[in-house]
Amino acid sequence: MHVATCQIKLGLEGVQSLKEKRRIIKSIISRLSNEFNIAIAEVDLNDVWQSALIGVATVGNDTRVLHSVMENIISWIERNRPDVILVNYTIEFR
């Protein structure tokens, strides 16, 4: 069994409040969770208006498949969320 985790840092330019940030992040988390069947949550920078750190985790037998899932998540964010900036991300396996 392998566990893949991914930390995704997002920039939220133009966000004026924590309420607006939470609306954007909740939407992203909900859509990704439904689309990819993963565990996902905002894990840091909770009180920072224009940044967010999202953690993603999934489990499987093949690290290549898990890596592909994580890369597909990153691609989905870039393709479907032009309102956020993908600052960076890291993928780890355990």
PDB file of N, CA and C in Angstrom:
ATOM      1  N   MET A   1       0.846  -1.183   0.000  1.00  0.00           N
ATOM      2  CA  MET A   1       0.000   0.000   0.000  1.00  0.00           C
ATOM      3  C   MET A   1       0.884   1.237   0.000  1.00  0.00           C
ATOM      4  N   HIS A   2       0.527   2.216  -0.843  1.00  0.00           N
ATOM      5  CA  HIS A   2       1.253   3.481  -0.925  1.00  0.00           C
ATOM      6  C   HIS A   2       0.286   4.626  -0.633  1.00  0.00           C
ATOM      7  N   VAL A   3       0.818   5.654   0.000  1.00  0.00           N
ATOM      8  CA  VAL A   3       0.047   6.867   0.270  1.00  0.00           C
ATOM      9  C   VAL A   3       0.723   8.018  -0.460  1.00  0.00           C
ATOM     10  N   ALA A   4      -0.043   8.750  -1.235  1.00  0.00           N
ATOM     11  CA  ALA A   4       0.473   9.933  -1.917  1.00  0.00           C
ATOM     12  C   ALA A   4      -0.140  11.168  -1.269  1.00  0.00           C
ATOM     13  N   THR A   5       0.708  12.147  -0.994  1.00  0.00           N
ATOM     14  CA  THR A   5       0.223  13.417  -0.470  1.00  0.00           C
ATOM     15  C   THR A   5       0.728  14.539  -1.367  1.00  0.00           C
ATOM     16  N   CYS A   6      -0.024  15.598  -1.405  1.00  0.00           N
ATOM     17  CA  CYS A   6       0.357  16.754  -2.215  1.00  0.00           C
ATOM     18  C   CYS A   6      -0.026  18.017  -1.458  1.00  0.00           C
ATOM     19  N   GLN A   7       0.935  18.921  -1.329  1.00  0.00           N
ATOM     20  CA  GLN A   7       0.650  20.240  -0.779  1.00  0.00           C
ATOM     21  C   GLN A   7       0.605  21.221  -1.944  1.00  0.00           C
ATOM     22  N   ILE A   8      -0.470  21.971  -2.020  1.00  0.00           N
ATOM     23  CA  ILE A   8      -0.681  22.909  -3.123  1.00  0.00           C
ATOM     24  C   ILE A   8      -0.839  24.309  -2.544  1.00  0.00           C
ATOM     25  N   LYS A   9       0.062  25.204  -2.917  1.00  0.00           N
ATOM     26  CA  LYS A   9      -0.051  26.590  -2.472  1.00  0.00           C
ATOM     27  C   LYS A   9      -0.677  27.405  -3.590  1.00  0.00           C
ATOM     28  N   LEU A  10      -1.733  28.131  -3.220  1.00  0.00           N
ATOM     29  CA  LEU A  10      -2.468  28.930  -4.185  1.00  0.00           C
ATOM     30  C   LEU A  10      -2.389  30.408  -3.827  1.00  0.00           C
ATOM     31  N   GLY A  11      -2.315  31.242  -4.840  1.00  0.00           N
ATOM     32  CA  GLY A  11      -2.416  32.681  -4.667  1.00  0.00           C
ATOM     33  C   GLY A  11      -3.803  33.127  -5.084  1.00  0.00           C
ATOM     34  N   LEU A  12      -4.376  34.018  -4.296  1.00  0.00           N
ATOM     35  CA  LEU A  12      -5.741  34.486  -4.545  1.00  0.00           C
ATOM     36  C   LEU A  12      -5.720  36.008  -4.691  1.00  0.00           C
ATOM     37  N   GLU A  13      -5.248  36.470  -5.812  1.00  0.00           N
ATOM     38  CA  GLU A  13      -5.155  37.905  -6.042  1.00  0.00           C
ATOM     39  C   GLU A  13      -6.542  38.522  -6.118  1.00  0.00           C
ATOM     40  N   GLY A  14      -6.673  39.703  -5.558  1.00  0.00           N
ATOM     41  CA  GLY A  14      -7.934  40.414  -5.620  1.00  0.00           C
ATOM     42  C   GLY A  14      -8.938  40.028  -4.556  1.00  0.00           C
ATOM     43  N   VAL A  15      -8.627  39.044  -3.724  1.00  0.00           N
ATOM     44  CA  VAL A  15      -9.537  38.651  -2.652  1.00  0.00           C
ATOM     45  C   VAL A  15      -9.514  39.739  -1.580  1.00  0.00           C
ATOM     46  N   GLN A  16     -10.696  40.177  -1.156  1.00  0.00           N
ATOM     47  CA  GLN A  16     -10.812  41.296  -0.225  1.00  0.00           C
ATOM     48  C   GLN A  16     -11.178  40.894   1.198  1.00  0.00           C
ATOM     49  N   SER A  17     -11.506  39.620   1.419  1.00  0.00           N
ATOM     50  CA  SER A  17     -11.911  39.198   2.767  1.00  0.00           C
ATOM     51  C   SER A  17     -11.700  37.697   2.940  1.00  0.00           C
ATOM     52  N   LEU A  18     -11.689  37.284   4.199  1.00  0.00           N
ATOM     53  CA  LEU A  18     -11.603  35.850   4.482  1.00  0.00           C
ATOM     54  C   LEU A  18     -12.854  35.118   3.999  1.00  0.00           C
ATOM     55  N   LYS A  19     -13.993  35.785   4.043  1.00  0.00           N
ATOM     56  CA  LYS A  19     -15.237  35.181   3.564  1.00  0.00           C
ATOM     57  C   LYS A  19     -15.138  34.853   2.077  1.00  0.00           C
ATOM     58  N   GLU A  20     -14.605  35.772   1.301  1.00  0.00           N
ATOM     59  CA  GLU A  20     -14.427  35.547  -0.133  1.00  0.00           C
ATOM     60  C   GLU A  20     -13.426  34.416  -0.390  1.00  0.00           C
ATOM     61  N   LYS A  21     -12.334  34.417   0.390  1.00  0.00           N
ATOM     62  CA  LYS A  21     -11.329  33.353   0.257  1.00  0.00           C
ATOM     63  C   LYS A  21     -11.960  31.992   0.549  1.00  0.00           C
ATOM     64  N   ARG A  22     -12.698  31.897   1.647  1.00  0.00           N
ATOM     65  CA  ARG A  22     -13.311  30.624   2.026  1.00  0.00           C
ATOM     66  C   ARG A  22     -14.281  30.121   0.961  1.00  0.00           C
ATOM     67  N   ARG A  23     -15.010  31.036   0.325  1.00  0.00           N
ATOM     68  CA  ARG A  23     -15.937  30.643  -0.736  1.00  0.00           C
ATOM     69  C   ARG A  23     -15.182  29.998  -1.900  1.00  0.00           C
ATOM     70  N   ILE A  24     -14.064  30.598  -2.283  1.00  0.00           N
ATOM     71  CA  ILE A  24     -13.254  30.077  -3.390  1.00  0.00           C
ATOM     72  C   ILE A  24     -12.643  28.724  -3.016  1.00  0.00           C
ATOM     73  N   ILE A  25     -12.038  28.646  -1.836  1.00  0.00           N
ATOM     74  CA  ILE A  25     -11.366  27.415  -1.407  1.00  0.00           C
ATOM     75  C   ILE A  25     -12.364  26.282  -1.209  1.00  0.00           C
ATOM     76  N   LYS A  26     -13.516  26.567  -0.610  1.00  0.00           N
ATOM     77  CA  LYS A  26     -14.531  25.520  -0.436  1.00  0.00           C
ATOM     78  C   LYS A  26     -15.008  24.981  -1.779  1.00  0.00           C
ATOM     79  N   SER A  27     -15.143  25.858  -2.747  1.00  0.00           N
ATOM     80  CA  SER A  27     -15.553  25.427  -4.083  1.00  0.00           C
ATOM     81  C   SER A  27     -14.508  24.496  -4.703  1.00  0.00           C
ATOM     82  N   ILE A  28     -13.246  24.883  -4.604  1.00  0.00           N
ATOM     83  CA  ILE A  28     -12.164  24.057  -5.150  1.00  0.00           C
ATOM     84  C   ILE A  28     -12.119  22.703  -4.446  1.00  0.00           C
ATOM     85  N   ILE A  29     -12.180  22.722  -3.129  1.00  0.00           N
ATOM     86  CA  ILE A  29     -12.114  21.480  -2.345  1.00  0.00           C
ATOM     87  C   ILE A  29     -13.277  20.563  -2.697  1.00  0.00           C
ATOM     88  N   SER A  30     -14.468  21.106  -2.780  1.00  0.00           N
ATOM     89  CA  SER A  30     -15.648  20.297  -3.098  1.00  0.00           C
ATOM     90  C   SER A  30     -15.550  19.676  -4.491  1.00  0.00           C
ATOM     91  N   ARG A  31     -15.186  20.479  -5.472  1.00  0.00           N
ATOM     92  CA  ARG A  31     -15.088  19.976  -6.850  1.00  0.00           C
ATOM     93  C   ARG A  31     -14.010  18.911  -6.994  1.00  0.00           C
ATOM     94  N   LEU A  32     -12.831  19.150  -6.391  1.00  0.00           N
ATOM     95  CA  LEU A  32     -11.743  18.166  -6.490  1.00  0.00           C
ATOM     96  C   LEU A  32     -12.106  16.871  -5.780  1.00  0.00           C
ATOM     97  N   SER A  33     -12.723  16.989  -4.627  1.00  0.00           N
ATOM     98  CA  SER A  33     -13.122  15.798  -3.873  1.00  0.00           C
ATOM     99  C   SER A  33     -14.095  14.939  -4.680  1.00  0.00           C
ATOM    100  N   ASN A  34     -15.058  15.570  -5.311  1.00  0.00           N
ATOM    101  CA  ASN A  34     -16.036  14.834  -6.123  1.00  0.00           C
ATOM    102  C   ASN A  34     -15.423  14.266  -7.395  1.00  0.00           C
ATOM    103  N   GLU A  35     -14.549  15.037  -8.019  1.00  0.00           N
ATOM    104  CA  GLU A  35     -13.961  14.640  -9.300  1.00  0.00           C
ATOM    105  C   GLU A  35     -12.954  13.491  -9.158  1.00  0.00           C
ATOM    106  N   PHE A  36     -12.145  13.527  -8.088  1.00  0.00           N
ATOM    107  CA  PHE A  36     -11.019  12.596  -7.988  1.00  0.00           C
ATOM    108  C   PHE A  36     -11.126  11.601  -6.836  1.00  0.00           C
ATOM    109  N   ASN A  37     -12.166  11.692  -6.003  1.00  0.00           N
ATOM    110  CA  ASN A  37     -12.329  10.761  -4.881  1.00  0.00           C
ATOM    111  C   ASN A  37     -11.076  10.737  -3.995  1.00  0.00           C
ATOM    112  N   ILE A  38     -10.721  11.891  -3.451  1.00  0.00           N
ATOM    113  CA  ILE A  38      -9.521  12.081  -2.645  1.00  0.00           C
ATOM    114  C   ILE A  38      -9.903  12.688  -1.305  1.00  0.00           C
ATOM    115  N   ALA A  39      -8.971  12.663  -0.371  1.00  0.00           N
ATOM    116  CA  ALA A  39      -9.115  13.420   0.872  1.00  0.00           C
ATOM    117  C   ALA A  39      -8.430  14.760   0.646  1.00  0.00           C
ATOM    118  N   ILE A  40      -9.111  15.859   0.997  1.00  0.00           N
ATOM    119  CA  ILE A  40      -8.571  17.186   0.717  1.00  0.00           C
ATOM    120  C   ILE A  40      -9.063  18.175   1.769  1.00  0.00           C
ATOM    121  N   ALA A  41      -8.176  19.105   2.149  1.00  0.00           N
ATOM    122  CA  ALA A  41      -8.539  20.125   3.133  1.00  0.00           C
ATOM    123  C   ALA A  41      -7.585  21.300   3.030  1.00  0.00           C
ATOM    124  N   GLU A  42      -8.032  22.453   3.502  1.00  0.00           N
ATOM    125  CA  GLU A  42      -7.131  23.591   3.657  1.00  0.00           C
ATOM    126  C   GLU A  42      -6.333  23.327   4.930  1.00  0.00           C
ATOM    127  N   VAL A  43      -5.007  23.289   4.826  1.00  0.00           N
ATOM    128  CA  VAL A  43      -4.179  22.840   5.944  1.00  0.00           C
ATOM    129  C   VAL A  43      -3.346  23.942   6.600  1.00  0.00           C
ATOM    130  N   ASP A  44      -3.243  25.108   5.970  1.00  0.00           N
ATOM    131  CA  ASP A  44      -2.461  26.200   6.561  1.00  0.00           C
ATOM    132  C   ASP A  44      -2.852  27.512   5.884  1.00  0.00           C
ATOM    133  N   LEU A  45      -2.347  28.592   6.414  1.00  0.00           N
ATOM    134  CA  LEU A  45      -2.613  29.949   5.909  1.00  0.00           C
ATOM    135  C   LEU A  45      -4.099  30.286   6.004  1.00  0.00           C
ATOM    136  N   ASN A  46      -4.764  29.748   7.008  1.00  0.00           N
ATOM    137  CA  ASN A  46      -6.211  29.922   7.147  1.00  0.00           C
ATOM    138  C   ASN A  46      -6.629  31.375   7.303  1.00  0.00           C
ATOM    139  N   ASP A  47      -5.811  32.190   7.952  1.00  0.00           N
ATOM    140  CA  ASP A  47      -6.178  33.573   8.211  1.00  0.00           C
ATOM    141  C   ASP A  47      -5.510  34.566   7.266  1.00  0.00           C
ATOM    142  N   VAL A  48      -4.912  34.067   6.204  1.00  0.00           N
ATOM    143  CA  VAL A  48      -4.268  34.924   5.210  1.00  0.00           C
ATOM    144  C   VAL A  48      -5.226  35.059   4.028  1.00  0.00           C
ATOM    145  N   TRP A  49      -5.604  36.275   3.692  1.00  0.00           N
ATOM    146  CA  TRP A  49      -6.612  36.505   2.663  1.00  0.00           C
ATOM    147  C   TRP A  49      -6.206  36.026   1.289  1.00  0.00           C
ATOM    148  N   GLN A  50      -4.977  36.290   0.877  1.00  0.00           N
ATOM    149  CA  GLN A  50      -4.623  36.094  -0.524  1.00  0.00           C
ATOM    150  C   GLN A  50      -3.729  34.885  -0.785  1.00  0.00           C
ATOM    151  N   SER A  51      -3.679  33.957   0.163  1.00  0.00           N
ATOM    152  CA  SER A  51      -2.933  32.710  -0.018  1.00  0.00           C
ATOM    153  C   SER A  51      -3.692  31.566   0.629  1.00  0.00           C
ATOM    154  N   ALA A  52      -3.470  30.375   0.112  1.00  0.00           N
ATOM    155  CA  ALA A  52      -4.079  29.184   0.696  1.00  0.00           C
ATOM    156  C   ALA A  52      -3.128  28.005   0.503  1.00  0.00           C
ATOM    157  N   LEU A  53      -3.111  27.109   1.473  1.00  0.00           N
ATOM    158  CA  LEU A  53      -2.346  25.870   1.356  1.00  0.00           C
ATOM    159  C   LEU A  53      -3.325  24.712   1.515  1.00  0.00           C
ATOM    160  N   ILE A  54      -3.440  23.923   0.454  1.00  0.00           N
ATOM    161  CA  ILE A  54      -4.360  22.790   0.430  1.00  0.00           C
ATOM    162  C   ILE A  54      -3.561  21.498   0.496  1.00  0.00           C
ATOM    163  N   GLY A  55      -4.021  20.558   1.294  1.00  0.00           N
ATOM    164  CA  GLY A  55      -3.409  19.240   1.377  1.00  0.00           C
ATOM    165  C   GLY A  55      -4.324  18.205   0.743  1.00  0.00           C
ATOM    166  N   VAL A  56      -3.726  17.311  -0.044  1.00  0.00           N
ATOM    167  CA  VAL A  56      -4.465  16.258  -0.742  1.00  0.00           C
ATOM    168  C   VAL A  56      -3.811  14.924  -0.400  1.00  0.00           C
ATOM    169  N   ALA A  57      -4.616  13.903  -0.205  1.00  0.00           N
ATOM    170  CA  ALA A  57      -4.075  12.565   0.061  1.00  0.00           C
ATOM    171  C   ALA A  57      -4.925  11.518  -0.650  1.00  0.00           C
ATOM    172  N   THR A  58      -4.240  10.448  -1.077  1.00  0.00           N
ATOM    173  CA  THR A  58      -4.930   9.309  -1.664  1.00  0.00           C
ATOM    174  C   THR A  58      -4.079   8.056  -1.441  1.00  0.00           C
ATOM    175  N   VAL A  59      -4.706   6.909  -1.529  1.00  0.00           N
ATOM    176  CA  VAL A  59      -4.054   5.632  -1.246  1.00  0.00           C
ATOM    177  C   VAL A  59      -4.214   4.710  -2.441  1.00  0.00           C
ATOM    178  N   GLY A  60      -3.183   3.895  -2.702  1.00  0.00           N
ATOM    179  CA  GLY A  60      -3.281   2.943  -3.799  1.00  0.00           C
ATOM    180  C   GLY A  60      -2.133   1.960  -3.794  1.00  0.00           C
ATOM    181  N   ASN A  61      -2.127   1.082  -4.792  1.00  0.00           N
ATOM    182  CA  ASN A  61      -1.103   0.043  -4.899  1.00  0.00           C
ATOM    183  C   ASN A  61       0.074   0.429  -5.786  1.00  0.00           C
ATOM    184  N   ASP A  62      -0.131   1.394  -6.672  1.00  0.00           N
ATOM    185  CA  ASP A  62       0.870   1.729  -7.678  1.00  0.00           C
ATOM    186  C   ASP A  62       1.224   3.212  -7.591  1.00  0.00           C
ATOM    187  N   THR A  63       2.499   3.518  -7.328  1.00  0.00           N
ATOM    188  CA  THR A  63       2.909   4.918  -7.192  1.00  0.00           C
ATOM    189  C   THR A  63       2.764   5.682  -8.505  1.00  0.00           C
ATOM    190  N   ARG A  64       2.904   5.000  -9.630  1.00  0.00           N
ATOM    191  CA  ARG A  64       2.729   5.687 -10.918  1.00  0.00           C
ATOM    192  C   ARG A  64       1.306   6.185 -11.090  1.00  0.00           C
ATOM    193  N   VAL A  65       0.355   5.373 -10.699  1.00  0.00           N
ATOM    194  CA  VAL A  65      -1.051   5.771 -10.788  1.00  0.00           C
ATOM    195  C   VAL A  65      -1.327   6.923  -9.821  1.00  0.00           C
ATOM    196  N   LEU A  66      -0.799   6.818  -8.614  1.00  0.00           N
ATOM    197  CA  LEU A  66      -1.003   7.878  -7.627  1.00  0.00           C
ATOM    198  C   LEU A  66      -0.386   9.194  -8.098  1.00  0.00           C
ATOM    199  N   HIS A  67       0.811   9.124  -8.656  1.00  0.00           N
ATOM    200  CA  HIS A  67       1.458  10.328  -9.171  1.00  0.00           C
ATOM    201  C   HIS A  67       0.621  10.937 -10.297  1.00  0.00           C
ATOM    202  N   SER A  68       0.075  10.113 -11.141  1.00  0.00           N
ATOM    203  CA  SER A  68      -0.785  10.579 -12.228  1.00  0.00           C
ATOM    204  C   SER A  68      -2.027  11.283 -11.680  1.00  0.00           C
ATOM    205  N   VAL A  69      -2.625  10.731 -10.638  1.00  0.00           N
ATOM    206  CA  VAL A  69      -3.794  11.357 -10.014  1.00  0.00           C
ATOM    207  C   VAL A  69      -3.429  12.749  -9.507  1.00  0.00           C
ATOM    208  N   MET A  70      -2.295  12.861  -8.823  1.00  0.00           N
ATOM    209  CA  MET A  70      -1.869  14.156  -8.284  1.00  0.00           C
ATOM    210  C   MET A  70      -1.580  15.159  -9.408  1.00  0.00           C
ATOM    211  N   GLU A  71      -0.944  14.714 -10.461  1.00  0.00           N
ATOM    212  CA  GLU A  71      -0.676  15.602 -11.596  1.00  0.00           C
ATOM    213  C   GLU A  71      -1.977  16.027 -12.279  1.00  0.00           C
ATOM    214  N   ASN A  72      -2.956  15.130 -12.332  1.00  0.00           N
ATOM    215  CA  ASN A  72      -4.257  15.472 -12.907  1.00  0.00           C
ATOM    216  C   ASN A  72      -4.986  16.516 -12.056  1.00  0.00           C
ATOM    217  N   ILE A  73      -4.817  16.437 -10.754  1.00  0.00           N
ATOM    218  CA  ILE A  73      -5.404  17.436  -9.855  1.00  0.00           C
ATOM    219  C   ILE A  73      -4.791  18.809 -10.134  1.00  0.00           C
ATOM    220  N   ILE A  74      -3.476  18.854 -10.257  1.00  0.00           N
ATOM    221  CA  ILE A  74      -2.786  20.115 -10.551  1.00  0.00           C
ATOM    222  C   ILE A  74      -3.265  20.664 -11.898  1.00  0.00           C
ATOM    223  N   SER A  75      -3.349  19.808 -12.890  1.00  0.00           N
ATOM    224  CA  SER A  75      -3.821  20.231 -14.211  1.00  0.00           C
ATOM    225  C   SER A  75      -5.252  20.751 -14.150  1.00  0.00           C
ATOM    226  N   TRP A  76      -6.088  20.098 -13.362  1.00  0.00           N
ATOM    227  CA  TRP A  76      -7.480  20.523 -13.218  1.00  0.00           C
ATOM    228  C   TRP A  76      -7.544  21.937 -12.647  1.00  0.00           C
ATOM    229  N   ILE A  77      -6.749  22.208 -11.619  1.00  0.00           N
ATOM    230  CA  ILE A  77      -6.742  23.547 -11.019  1.00  0.00           C
ATOM    231  C   ILE A  77      -6.311  24.584 -12.046  1.00  0.00           C
ATOM    232  N   GLU A  78      -5.243  24.299 -12.766  1.00  0.00           N
ATOM    233  CA  GLU A  78      -4.742  25.242 -13.768  1.00  0.00           C
ATOM    234  C   GLU A  78      -5.758  25.487 -14.881  1.00  0.00           C
ATOM    235  N   ARG A  79      -6.461  24.443 -15.271  1.00  0.00           N
ATOM    236  CA  ARG A  79      -7.393  24.518 -16.395  1.00  0.00           C
ATOM    237  C   ARG A  79      -8.737  25.137 -15.999  1.00  0.00           C
ATOM    238  N   ASN A  80      -9.238  24.790 -14.817  1.00  0.00           N
ATOM    239  CA  ASN A  80     -10.601  25.152 -14.442  1.00  0.00           C
ATOM    240  C   ASN A  80     -10.725  26.327 -13.482  1.00  0.00           C
ATOM    241  N   ARG A  81      -9.616  26.767 -12.915  1.00  0.00           N
ATOM    242  CA  ARG A  81      -9.691  27.861 -11.944  1.00  0.00           C
ATOM    243  C   ARG A  81      -8.754  29.006 -12.319  1.00  0.00           C
ATOM    244  N   PRO A  82      -9.116  29.785 -13.334  1.00  0.00           N
ATOM    245  CA  PRO A  82      -8.268  30.916 -13.724  1.00  0.00           C
ATOM    246  C   PRO A  82      -8.249  32.025 -12.675  1.00  0.00           C
ATOM    247  N   ASP A  83      -9.143  31.950 -11.682  1.00  0.00           N
ATOM    248  CA  ASP A  83      -9.198  32.956 -10.635  1.00  0.00           C
ATOM    249  C   ASP A  83      -8.153  32.741  -9.538  1.00  0.00           C
ATOM    250  N   VAL A  84      -7.429  31.614  -9.580  1.00  0.00           N
ATOM    251  CA  VAL A  84      -6.363  31.353  -8.600  1.00  0.00           C
ATOM    252  C   VAL A  84      -5.039  31.149  -9.329  1.00  0.00           C
ATOM    253  N   ILE A  85      -3.958  31.423  -8.614  1.00  0.00           N
ATOM    254  CA  ILE A  85      -2.617  31.233  -9.158  1.00  0.00           C
ATOM    255  C   ILE A  85      -1.990  30.040  -8.445  1.00  0.00           C
ATOM    256  N   LEU A  86      -1.536  29.073  -9.214  1.00  0.00           N
ATOM    257  CA  LEU A  86      -0.825  27.936  -8.638  1.00  0.00           C
ATOM    258  C   LEU A  86       0.608  28.392  -8.355  1.00  0.00           C
ATOM    259  N   VAL A  87       0.903  28.634  -7.087  1.00  0.00           N
ATOM    260  CA  VAL A  87       2.225  29.146  -6.695  1.00  0.00           C
ATOM    261  C   VAL A  87       3.263  28.016  -6.767  1.00  0.00           C
ATOM    262  N   ASN A  88       2.962  26.914  -6.086  1.00  0.00           N
ATOM    263  CA  ASN A  88       3.822  25.730  -6.150  1.00  0.00           C
ATOM    264  C   ASN A  88       3.082  24.532  -5.568  1.00  0.00           C
ATOM    265  N   TYR A  89       3.692  23.362  -5.748  1.00  0.00           N
ATOM    266  CA  TYR A  89       3.139  22.139  -5.164  1.00  0.00           C
ATOM    267  C   TYR A  89       4.254  21.124  -4.967  1.00  0.00           C
ATOM    268  N   THR A  90       4.028  20.224  -4.017  1.00  0.00           N
ATOM    269  CA  THR A  90       4.965  19.118  -3.780  1.00  0.00           C
ATOM    270  C   THR A  90       4.169  17.830  -3.644  1.00  0.00           C
ATOM    271  N   ILE A  91       4.704  16.767  -4.227  1.00  0.00           N
ATOM    272  CA  ILE A  91       4.086  15.450  -4.149  1.00  0.00           C
ATOM    273  C   ILE A  91       5.045  14.529  -3.408  1.00  0.00           C
ATOM    274  N   GLU A  92       4.537  13.806  -2.427  1.00  0.00           N
ATOM    275  CA  GLU A  92       5.356  12.865  -1.644  1.00  0.00           C
ATOM    276  C   GLU A  92       4.636  11.519  -1.576  1.00  0.00           C
ATOM    277  N   PHE A  93       5.437  10.472  -1.411  1.00  0.00           N
ATOM    278  CA  PHE A  93       4.913   9.107  -1.270  1.00  0.00           C
ATOM    279  C   PHE A  93       5.405   8.506   0.023  1.00  0.00           C
ATOM    280  N   ARG A  94       4.559   7.709   0.643  1.00  0.00           N
ATOM    281  CA  ARG A  94       4.919   7.005   1.874  1.00  0.00           C
ATOM    282  C   ARG A  94       4.501   5.573   1.770  1.00  0.00           C
TER     283      ARG A  94
END
